[in-house]
Amino acid sequence: MRFMRSKDGGRILLEAPRDNQWRGLVELMGNPDWTKDEKYSTEQGRRDNGDELRQHLAEWAGDHTTDELFHGV
């Protein structure tokens, strides 16, 4: 597990290992283009590309306050 920093310096854990959770997170993030990459389309693909995926999530989390992330932006 890796915690990510929010815009205001808080720490948050974002996990969406299952497909339905992933789809919800993608929607919450506003369907960014990078989420459409085939390598993120399956649970295994997200695991195999976890470091890159975490980087994308960290960048997104860094654009929002802890309160926004807690309440679903």
C-alpha atoms as a PDB file:
ATOM      1  CA  MET A   1       0.000   0.000   0.000  1.00  0.00           C
ATOM      2  CA  ARG A   2       1.166   3.452  -0.837  1.00  0.00           C
ATOM      3  CA  PHE A   3      -0.415   6.568   0.495  1.00  0.00           C
ATOM      4  CA  MET A   4      -0.703   9.583  -1.778  1.00  0.00           C
ATOM      5  CA  ARG A   5      -0.449  13.247  -0.869  1.00  0.00           C
ATOM      6  CA  SER A   6      -3.413  15.492  -1.413  1.00  0.00           C
ATOM      7  CA  LYS A   7      -3.187  19.134  -2.435  1.00  0.00           C
ATOM      8  CA  ASP A   8      -3.235  20.280   1.189  1.00  0.00           C
ATOM      9  CA  GLY A   9      -0.623  17.755   2.334  1.00  0.00           C
ATOM     10  CA  GLY A  10      -2.984  15.119   3.682  1.00  0.00           C
ATOM     11  CA  ARG A  11      -2.447  11.458   2.920  1.00  0.00           C
ATOM     12  CA  ILE A  12      -4.964   9.208   1.250  1.00  0.00           C
ATOM     13  CA  LEU A  13      -5.029   5.605   0.140  1.00  0.00           C
ATOM     14  CA  LEU A  14      -6.683   4.984  -3.218  1.00  0.00           C
ATOM     15  CA  GLU A  15      -7.398   1.380  -4.074  1.00  0.00           C
ATOM     16  CA  ALA A  16      -9.767  -0.029  -6.654  1.00  0.00           C
ATOM     17  CA  PRO A  17      -8.599  -3.563  -7.383  1.00  0.00           C
ATOM     18  CA  ARG A  18     -11.895  -4.934  -8.693  1.00  0.00           C
ATOM     19  CA  ASP A  19     -13.309  -3.952 -12.074  1.00  0.00           C
ATOM     20  CA  ASN A  20     -16.461  -2.372 -10.637  1.00  0.00           C
ATOM     21  CA  GLN A  21     -14.378  -0.343  -8.167  1.00  0.00           C
ATOM     22  CA  TRP A  22     -12.041   0.729 -10.961  1.00  0.00           C
ATOM     23  CA  ARG A  23     -14.945   1.900 -13.112  1.00  0.00           C
ATOM     24  CA  GLY A  24     -16.269   3.968 -10.206  1.00  0.00           C
ATOM     25  CA  LEU A  25     -12.878   5.547  -9.563  1.00  0.00           C
ATOM     26  CA  VAL A  26     -12.411   6.339 -13.254  1.00  0.00           C
ATOM     27  CA  GLU A  27     -15.802   8.042 -13.293  1.00  0.00           C
ATOM     28  CA  LEU A  28     -14.963   9.976 -10.121  1.00  0.00           C
ATOM     29  CA  MET A  29     -11.738  11.178 -11.739  1.00  0.00           C
ATOM     30  CA  GLY A  30     -13.663  12.431 -14.778  1.00  0.00           C
ATOM     31  CA  ASN A  31     -12.643   9.643 -17.180  1.00  0.00           C
ATOM     32  CA  PRO A  32      -9.097  10.852 -17.914  1.00  0.00           C
ATOM     33  CA  ASP A  33      -7.611   9.720 -21.220  1.00  0.00           C
ATOM     34  CA  TRP A  34      -4.881   7.629 -19.604  1.00  0.00           C
ATOM     35  CA  THR A  35      -7.528   5.349 -18.024  1.00  0.00           C
ATOM     36  CA  LYS A  36      -8.580   4.212 -21.507  1.00  0.00           C
ATOM     37  CA  ASP A  37      -5.206   2.559 -22.102  1.00  0.00           C
ATOM     38  CA  GLU A  38      -5.728  -1.178 -22.664  1.00  0.00           C
ATOM     39  CA  LYS A  39      -3.167  -2.045 -19.981  1.00  0.00           C
ATOM     40  CA  TYR A  40      -5.566  -0.766 -17.308  1.00  0.00           C
ATOM     41  CA  SER A  41      -8.631  -2.598 -18.635  1.00  0.00           C
ATOM     42  CA  THR A  42      -8.244  -5.701 -16.439  1.00  0.00           C
ATOM     43  CA  GLU A  43      -7.418  -6.387 -12.815  1.00  0.00           C
ATOM     44  CA  GLN A  44      -4.261  -8.212 -13.899  1.00  0.00           C
ATOM     45  CA  GLY A  45      -3.257  -5.369 -16.188  1.00  0.00           C
ATOM     46  CA  ARG A  46      -3.610  -2.858 -13.367  1.00  0.00           C
ATOM     47  CA  ARG A  47      -1.496  -5.088 -11.111  1.00  0.00           C
ATOM     48  CA  ASP A  48       1.152  -5.562 -13.796  1.00  0.00           C
ATOM     49  CA  ASN A  49       1.341  -1.801 -14.358  1.00  0.00           C
ATOM     50  CA  GLY A  50       0.901  -0.810 -10.730  1.00  0.00           C
ATOM     51  CA  ASP A  51       3.831   1.584 -10.456  1.00  0.00           C
ATOM     52  CA  GLU A  52       2.703   3.600 -13.461  1.00  0.00           C
ATOM     53  CA  LEU A  53      -0.915   3.475 -12.316  1.00  0.00           C
ATOM     54  CA  ARG A  54      -0.002   4.722  -8.849  1.00  0.00           C
ATOM     55  CA  GLN A  55       1.853   7.635 -10.437  1.00  0.00           C
ATOM     56  CA  HIS A  56      -1.263   8.667 -12.362  1.00  0.00           C
ATOM     57  CA  LEU A  57      -3.394   8.349  -9.225  1.00  0.00           C
ATOM     58  CA  ALA A  58      -0.896  10.350  -7.177  1.00  0.00           C
ATOM     59  CA  GLU A  59      -0.949  13.166  -9.730  1.00  0.00           C
ATOM     60  CA  TRP A  60      -4.740  13.222  -9.668  1.00  0.00           C
ATOM     61  CA  ALA A  61      -4.904  13.125  -5.856  1.00  0.00           C
ATOM     62  CA  GLY A  62      -2.380  15.982  -5.692  1.00  0.00           C
ATOM     63  CA  ASP A  63      -4.855  18.217  -7.505  1.00  0.00           C
ATOM     64  CA  HIS A  64      -7.477  17.832  -4.752  1.00  0.00           C
ATOM     65  CA  THR A  65      -7.716  18.567  -1.049  1.00  0.00           C
ATOM     66  CA  THR A  66      -8.081  15.780   1.480  1.00  0.00           C
ATOM     67  CA  ASP A  67     -11.670  16.854   2.118  1.00  0.00           C
ATOM     68  CA  GLU A  68     -12.512  16.749  -1.590  1.00  0.00           C
ATOM     69  CA  LEU A  69     -11.040  13.264  -1.924  1.00  0.00           C
ATOM     70  CA  PHE A  70     -12.785  12.021   1.209  1.00  0.00           C
ATOM     71  CA  HIS A  71     -16.147  13.279  -0.037  1.00  0.00           C
ATOM     72  CA  GLY A  72     -15.682  12.114  -3.628  1.00  0.00           C
ATOM     73  CA  VAL A  73     -14.481  15.349  -5.217  1.00  0.00           C
END
